[in-house]
Amino acid sequence: MTAQIGLESLTGLIAFARTASLGSYTAAARSLGVSPSAVSKSVQRLEEHLKVRLFTRTTRSLALTPEGRDLQERTTRLLQEVEQIEQAAATARAEPAGLLRVTAPLPVGTHILAPALPRFRERYPKVTIDLRMGDRYTDLIEEGIDVALRVGAPGDSRLVSRPLTPHRLCAFAAPSYLARRGIPRNIEDLLAHECVNFRYQSTGQSLRWPFQVGERIVEMTPESGIIIDATDGVLAALVAGGGIGIAPTYAAAHHVERRLLVPILPELAVERFVVTAMWPESRRGSPNVKAFIEFLREIFPSPAPWDLIVSQAQSEAAISGAALQR
């Protein structure tokens, strides 16, 4: 007689695999969209069913036992097979429908992607989008993500990638601040100004400000009276007259358009990295992924509208400056 695996055991295997890859019940629960207690109980029931201990638990962490490592390898292969079956069925369906999991850095998600999602839903009303924004590194395959937007080149050979737009960094300040303190004419002038800097949440390091000087990129870390670990926070402080700061053009453009910020030394702005779309090889044939990747090409046009806004502000500032000199 052939033994049959029960639904509860399958649920336990999924909870176990996600916990093993992410290292905690909380992270696994966030990924699966359930509570940490539900994940913990599923894993405990799986252990009771298999009569083995899968994790060594401490108050601070979970570590796989030898039996747990063996089961993780087997479970990963099993879930990959299930995913391939699911993707084959989705491809056969042809019409985009169902859940699409997307992840993006907070500034990209806030300023470009999230505002465009209603337009995607109008086109594909049967697709439900689960957008997760943040700086935390996400293993797309382990966490079941369909498409990720990231700043920088892909570092995973299991992923397909498509560059979308340059990640262009420029300095900005409010007109009120510049009226009070003057306009910097070169990099050295920045040392005499109040500065607002960005700190990476992932590393705790402050941003080194890059400037394109001829063929070289010159970097500096200015003394800053305000340091904030979110791009929108930096921009809010700049709009309030807090000083000079550096930010991606796609995040600052709407402030520039409303004349709340002006670009500083825009001729030295740097294209640092590229915003890239990535998706697992196994998702290549998914109608949802195909439709979304094509949609991304629309909302990341070339030239980028946010760069045009900053360039126009630069031109207007140059004209105003020339008029004043006459």
Protein backbone atom coordinates (compact mmCIF):
# COMPACT_ATOMS: atom_id res chain seq x y z
CA MET A 1 0.00 0.00 0.00
CA THR A 2 1.41 3.39 -0.98
CA ALA A 3 1.61 5.98 1.81
CA GLN A 4 -0.02 9.30 1.01
CA ILE A 5 1.28 12.63 2.25
CA GLY A 6 -1.34 14.75 3.98
CA LEU A 7 -2.15 18.41 3.44
CA GLU A 8 -0.85 19.25 6.91
CA SER A 9 2.53 17.70 6.08
CA LEU A 10 2.76 19.70 2.85
CA THR A 11 1.99 22.88 4.76
CA GLY A 12 4.66 21.94 7.27
CA LEU A 13 7.23 21.34 4.54
CA ILE A 14 6.55 24.75 3.00
CA ALA A 15 6.80 26.47 6.40
CA PHE A 16 9.98 24.53 7.20
CA ALA A 17 11.65 25.32 3.85
CA ARG A 18 10.90 29.03 4.12
CA THR A 19 12.07 29.16 7.76
CA ALA A 20 15.28 27.28 6.90
CA SER A 21 16.12 29.67 4.05
CA LEU A 22 15.28 32.89 5.95
CA GLY A 23 16.50 31.88 9.40
CA SER A 24 13.48 32.83 11.50
CA TYR A 25 9.78 32.17 11.92
CA THR A 26 9.07 35.91 11.67
CA ALA A 27 10.79 36.30 8.29
CA ALA A 28 9.15 33.13 6.99
CA ALA A 29 5.74 34.34 8.17
CA ARG A 30 6.22 37.70 6.45
CA SER A 31 7.14 35.92 3.24
CA LEU A 32 4.17 33.54 3.40
CA GLY A 33 1.66 36.13 4.57
CA VAL A 34 0.75 34.32 7.80
CA SER A 35 1.51 34.77 11.49
CA PRO A 36 4.83 33.64 13.06
CA SER A 37 2.89 31.34 15.42
CA ALA A 38 1.24 29.61 12.46
CA VAL A 39 4.66 28.93 10.92
CA SER A 40 6.08 27.72 14.24
CA LYS A 41 3.18 25.36 14.84
CA SER A 42 3.38 23.95 11.30
CA VAL A 43 7.08 23.19 11.76
CA GLN A 44 6.48 21.63 15.18
CA ARG A 45 3.72 19.40 13.81
CA LEU A 46 6.06 18.35 10.99
CA GLU A 47 8.73 17.43 13.52
CA GLU A 48 6.21 15.41 15.51
CA HIS A 49 5.03 13.65 12.35
CA LEU A 50 8.58 12.81 11.20
CA LYS A 51 9.78 12.13 14.75
CA VAL A 52 12.97 14.17 14.21
CA ARG A 53 14.19 17.54 15.42
CA LEU A 54 14.75 19.89 12.47
CA PHE A 55 16.02 22.99 14.27
CA THR A 56 18.20 23.68 17.27
CA ARG A 57 16.39 26.58 18.91
CA THR A 58 17.84 29.34 21.06
CA THR A 59 16.29 32.58 22.27
CA ARG A 60 17.99 34.43 19.41
CA SER A 61 18.23 32.10 16.46
CA LEU A 62 17.36 28.85 14.70
CA ALA A 63 19.99 26.44 13.40
CA LEU A 64 19.35 23.40 11.25
CA THR A 65 20.15 19.99 12.70
CA PRO A 66 21.84 17.42 10.41
CA GLU A 67 18.38 15.93 9.79
CA GLY A 68 17.09 19.42 9.06
CA ARG A 69 19.81 20.11 6.48
CA ASP A 70 19.03 16.84 4.71
CA LEU A 71 15.31 17.61 4.66
CA GLN A 72 15.94 21.15 3.42
CA GLU A 73 17.78 19.82 0.36
CA ARG A 74 15.01 17.35 -0.41
CA THR A 75 12.24 19.85 0.22
CA THR A 76 13.88 22.50 -1.97
CA ARG A 77 13.96 20.06 -4.89
CA LEU A 78 10.34 19.09 -4.26
CA LEU A 79 9.10 22.69 -4.15
CA GLN A 80 11.03 23.57 -7.30
CA GLU A 81 9.22 20.72 -9.07
CA VAL A 82 5.90 22.03 -7.77
CA GLU A 83 6.79 25.53 -8.98
CA GLN A 84 7.59 24.23 -12.46
CA ILE A 85 4.24 22.43 -12.59
CA GLU A 86 2.51 25.64 -11.52
CA GLN A 87 4.36 27.71 -14.12
CA ALA A 88 3.53 25.19 -16.86
CA ALA A 89 -0.14 25.43 -15.96
CA ALA A 90 0.05 29.25 -15.94
CA THR A 91 1.70 29.25 -19.35
CA ALA A 92 -1.00 26.98 -20.73
CA ARG A 93 -3.61 29.40 -19.36
CA ALA A 94 -1.98 32.22 -21.38
CA GLU A 95 -4.07 35.01 -19.85
CA PRO A 96 -2.43 36.95 -16.99
CA ALA A 97 -4.32 36.10 -13.80
CA GLY A 98 -3.71 35.29 -10.18
CA LEU A 99 -1.07 36.56 -7.73
CA LEU A 100 2.04 38.43 -8.88
CA ARG A 101 4.66 38.99 -6.17
CA VAL A 102 6.95 41.98 -6.80
CA THR A 103 9.69 43.52 -4.69
CA ALA A 104 11.42 46.90 -5.14
CA PRO A 105 13.60 49.35 -3.19
CA LEU A 106 11.47 51.84 -1.29
CA PRO A 107 12.28 54.95 -3.43
CA VAL A 108 11.76 53.10 -6.74
CA GLY A 109 8.55 51.54 -5.46
CA THR A 110 7.19 54.77 -4.02
CA HIS A 111 7.99 57.19 -6.84
CA ILE A 112 7.75 55.06 -9.98
CA LEU A 113 6.23 51.62 -9.50
CA ALA A 114 3.35 52.04 -7.02
CA PRO A 115 1.77 55.03 -8.83
CA ALA A 116 1.74 52.99 -12.07
CA LEU A 117 0.14 49.83 -10.64
CA PRO A 118 -3.48 50.99 -11.06
CA ARG A 119 -2.79 51.33 -14.79
CA PHE A 120 -1.47 47.76 -14.89
CA ARG A 121 -4.57 46.54 -13.03
CA GLU A 122 -6.84 48.30 -15.49
CA ARG A 123 -5.16 46.36 -18.26
CA TYR A 124 -5.04 43.04 -16.39
CA PRO A 125 -7.86 43.07 -13.81
CA LYS A 126 -7.46 39.36 -13.03
CA VAL A 127 -3.95 39.91 -11.64
CA THR A 128 -3.49 40.66 -7.94
CA ILE A 129 -0.20 42.46 -7.21
CA ASP A 130 1.64 41.92 -3.92
CA LEU A 131 4.29 44.67 -3.84
CA ARG A 132 6.94 44.49 -1.11
CA MET A 133 9.20 47.53 -0.71
CA GLY A 134 12.41 47.83 1.27
CA ASP A 135 16.19 47.60 1.20
CA ARG A 136 16.40 44.08 2.61
CA TYR A 137 18.07 41.60 0.25
CA THR A 138 15.50 39.12 -1.04
CA ASP A 139 16.25 35.68 -2.44
CA LEU A 140 13.64 35.60 -5.19
CA ILE A 141 13.57 31.84 -5.54
CA GLU A 142 13.48 31.07 -1.82
CA GLU A 143 10.78 33.65 -1.10
CA GLY A 144 8.63 32.96 -4.16
CA ILE A 145 9.06 36.42 -5.70
CA ASP A 146 8.05 36.71 -9.37
CA VAL A 147 9.80 39.98 -10.30
CA ALA A 148 12.28 42.15 -8.42
CA LEU A 149 13.48 45.66 -9.18
CA ARG A 150 16.97 46.28 -7.87
CA VAL A 151 19.60 48.98 -8.12
CA GLY A 152 22.72 47.37 -9.53
CA ALA A 153 23.75 44.37 -11.57
CA PRO A 154 22.32 40.90 -10.89
CA GLY A 155 24.50 38.69 -8.74
CA ASP A 156 22.57 35.46 -9.17
CA SER A 157 23.02 33.29 -12.24
CA ARG A 158 19.59 31.74 -11.63
CA LEU A 159 17.94 35.04 -12.56
CA VAL A 160 17.01 36.61 -15.87
CA SER A 161 17.56 40.38 -15.92
CA ARG A 162 16.68 43.45 -17.96
CA PRO A 163 18.15 46.93 -17.36
CA LEU A 164 15.46 49.60 -17.07
CA THR A 165 16.94 53.03 -16.37
CA PRO A 166 20.10 54.67 -15.01
CA HIS A 167 20.19 55.31 -11.26
CA ARG A 168 21.20 58.96 -11.51
CA LEU A 169 22.35 60.80 -8.38
CA CYS A 170 22.33 64.59 -8.12
CA ALA A 171 22.62 67.14 -5.32
CA PHE A 172 19.59 69.28 -4.42
CA ALA A 173 18.63 72.12 -2.10
CA ALA A 174 15.62 74.33 -1.43
CA PRO A 175 15.54 77.85 -2.93
CA SER A 176 15.04 79.24 0.59
CA TYR A 177 18.28 77.64 1.78
CA LEU A 178 20.25 78.84 -1.25
CA ALA A 179 18.90 82.39 -0.82
CA ARG A 180 20.23 82.29 2.72
CA ARG A 181 23.57 80.54 2.18
CA GLY A 182 24.44 80.99 -1.50
CA ILE A 183 24.85 78.56 -4.39
CA PRO A 184 27.89 76.22 -4.43
CA ARG A 185 29.95 76.64 -7.60
CA ASN A 186 32.22 73.60 -7.13
CA ILE A 187 32.65 70.53 -4.93
CA GLU A 188 34.91 72.36 -2.48
CA ASP A 189 32.16 74.90 -1.80
CA LEU A 190 30.01 72.09 -0.34
CA LEU A 191 32.35 71.91 2.67
CA ALA A 192 31.05 75.30 3.85
CA HIS A 193 27.38 74.28 3.65
CA GLU A 194 24.89 72.51 5.85
CA CYS A 195 24.41 68.99 4.49
CA VAL A 196 21.77 66.29 4.86
CA ASN A 197 23.06 62.79 4.20
CA PHE A 198 21.57 59.35 3.56
CA ARG A 199 22.48 56.27 5.61
CA TYR A 200 21.99 52.74 4.26
CA GLN A 201 19.65 50.69 6.44
CA SER A 202 21.36 47.48 5.36
CA THR A 203 24.90 48.47 6.41
CA GLY A 204 24.56 51.57 8.58
CA GLN A 205 27.10 53.34 6.35
CA SER A 206 26.62 56.94 5.25
CA LEU A 207 26.43 57.63 1.52
CA ARG A 208 29.64 58.79 -0.12
CA TRP A 209 28.60 61.56 -2.50
CA PRO A 210 29.82 60.84 -6.07
CA PHE A 211 30.51 63.54 -8.66
CA GLN A 212 31.53 63.07 -12.29
CA VAL A 213 34.60 65.25 -12.83
CA GLY A 214 35.83 64.72 -16.37
CA GLU A 215 36.68 61.04 -16.75
CA ARG A 216 36.86 60.48 -13.00
CA ILE A 217 34.28 59.97 -10.28
CA VAL A 218 35.23 61.96 -7.19
CA GLU A 219 33.65 60.88 -3.91
CA MET A 220 33.28 62.76 -0.64
CA THR A 221 31.43 62.26 2.64
CA PRO A 222 30.48 65.73 3.89
CA GLU A 223 30.03 66.68 7.50
CA SER A 224 26.27 66.44 7.95
CA GLY A 225 24.09 67.90 10.63
CA ILE A 226 21.24 65.59 9.64
CA ILE A 227 21.56 61.92 8.63
CA ILE A 228 18.45 59.95 7.62
CA ASP A 229 18.08 56.31 6.54
CA ALA A 230 15.30 56.89 3.99
CA THR A 231 15.52 58.83 0.72
CA ASP A 232 12.13 60.48 1.19
CA GLY A 233 13.21 61.61 4.65
CA VAL A 234 16.33 63.23 3.20
CA LEU A 235 14.21 65.02 0.58
CA ALA A 236 11.71 66.21 3.20
CA ALA A 237 14.55 67.76 5.21
CA LEU A 238 15.92 69.45 2.09
CA VAL A 239 12.51 70.89 1.16
CA ALA A 240 12.31 72.31 4.69
CA GLY A 241 15.57 74.20 4.10
CA GLY A 242 17.84 71.82 5.99
CA GLY A 243 20.76 72.14 3.59
CA ILE A 244 22.16 70.35 0.57
CA GLY A 245 21.68 66.64 0.01
CA ILE A 246 22.03 64.03 -2.69
CA ALA A 247 19.25 61.80 -4.03
CA PRO A 248 18.18 59.84 -7.11
CA THR A 249 16.60 62.07 -9.75
CA TYR A 250 13.47 59.89 -9.90
CA ALA A 251 12.83 60.59 -6.20
CA ALA A 252 13.56 64.33 -6.32
CA ALA A 253 11.91 65.20 -9.65
CA HIS A 254 8.42 65.97 -8.35
CA HIS A 255 9.92 68.40 -5.78
CA VAL A 256 11.94 70.03 -8.56
CA GLU A 257 8.84 70.28 -10.76
CA ARG A 258 7.01 72.11 -7.98
CA ARG A 259 10.06 74.39 -7.49
CA LEU A 260 10.57 73.16 -3.93
CA LEU A 261 14.09 71.94 -4.80
CA VAL A 262 16.69 72.93 -7.36
CA PRO A 263 19.59 70.81 -8.65
CA ILE A 264 23.06 71.69 -7.36
CA LEU A 265 26.10 71.12 -9.61
CA PRO A 266 23.90 69.08 -11.99
CA GLU A 267 26.69 68.96 -14.58
CA LEU A 268 28.55 66.70 -12.11
CA ALA A 269 25.61 64.30 -11.56
CA VAL A 270 26.57 60.63 -11.71
CA GLU A 271 24.82 57.65 -13.27
CA ARG A 272 25.61 55.25 -10.44
CA PHE A 273 24.38 51.74 -11.23
CA VAL A 274 21.22 50.85 -13.14
CA VAL A 275 17.68 50.03 -12.02
CA THR A 276 17.25 46.43 -13.19
CA ALA A 277 14.28 44.06 -13.39
CA MET A 278 15.05 40.46 -12.40
CA TRP A 279 13.02 37.29 -12.36
CA PRO A 280 13.73 33.57 -11.86
CA GLU A 281 14.45 31.50 -14.95
CA SER A 282 11.49 29.31 -13.97
CA ARG A 283 9.16 32.33 -14.40
CA ARG A 284 10.27 33.03 -17.97
CA GLY A 285 7.09 31.56 -19.50
CA SER A 286 4.67 33.01 -16.94
CA PRO A 287 1.98 35.21 -18.57
CA ASN A 288 1.95 37.38 -15.45
CA VAL A 289 5.70 37.98 -15.58
CA LYS A 290 5.71 38.56 -19.35
CA ALA A 291 2.94 41.15 -19.04
CA PHE A 292 4.62 42.90 -16.12
CA ILE A 293 8.05 43.06 -17.75
CA GLU A 294 6.50 44.65 -20.85
CA PHE A 295 4.68 47.10 -18.59
CA LEU A 296 7.97 48.04 -16.90
CA ARG A 297 9.34 49.04 -20.30
CA GLU A 298 6.51 51.59 -20.52
CA ILE A 299 7.01 53.15 -17.09
CA PHE A 300 10.80 53.31 -17.44
CA PRO A 301 11.08 55.08 -20.84
CA SER A 302 14.26 56.49 -22.32
CA PRO A 303 14.96 59.32 -21.84
CA ALA A 304 13.53 59.15 -18.34
CA PRO A 305 10.96 61.89 -17.61
CA TRP A 306 12.44 62.56 -14.15
CA ASP A 307 15.85 63.28 -15.72
CA LEU A 308 14.19 65.64 -18.22
CA ILE A 309 12.57 67.54 -15.35
CA VAL A 310 15.93 67.97 -13.61
CA SER A 311 17.62 68.98 -16.89
CA GLN A 312 14.92 71.57 -17.59
CA ALA A 313 15.38 73.04 -14.11
CA GLN A 314 19.13 73.21 -14.78
CA SER A 315 18.51 75.09 -18.05
CA GLU A 316 16.12 77.54 -16.39
CA ALA A 317 18.63 78.19 -13.62
CA ALA A 318 21.39 78.83 -16.20
CA ILE A 319 19.19 81.30 -18.10
CA SER A 320 18.26 83.11 -14.87
CA GLY A 321 21.88 83.29 -13.84
CA ALA A 322 22.94 84.73 -17.20
CA ALA A 323 20.19 87.34 -17.03
CA LEU A 324 21.31 88.42 -13.56
CA GLN A 325 24.92 88.78 -14.72
CA ARG A 326 23.83 91.11 -17.55
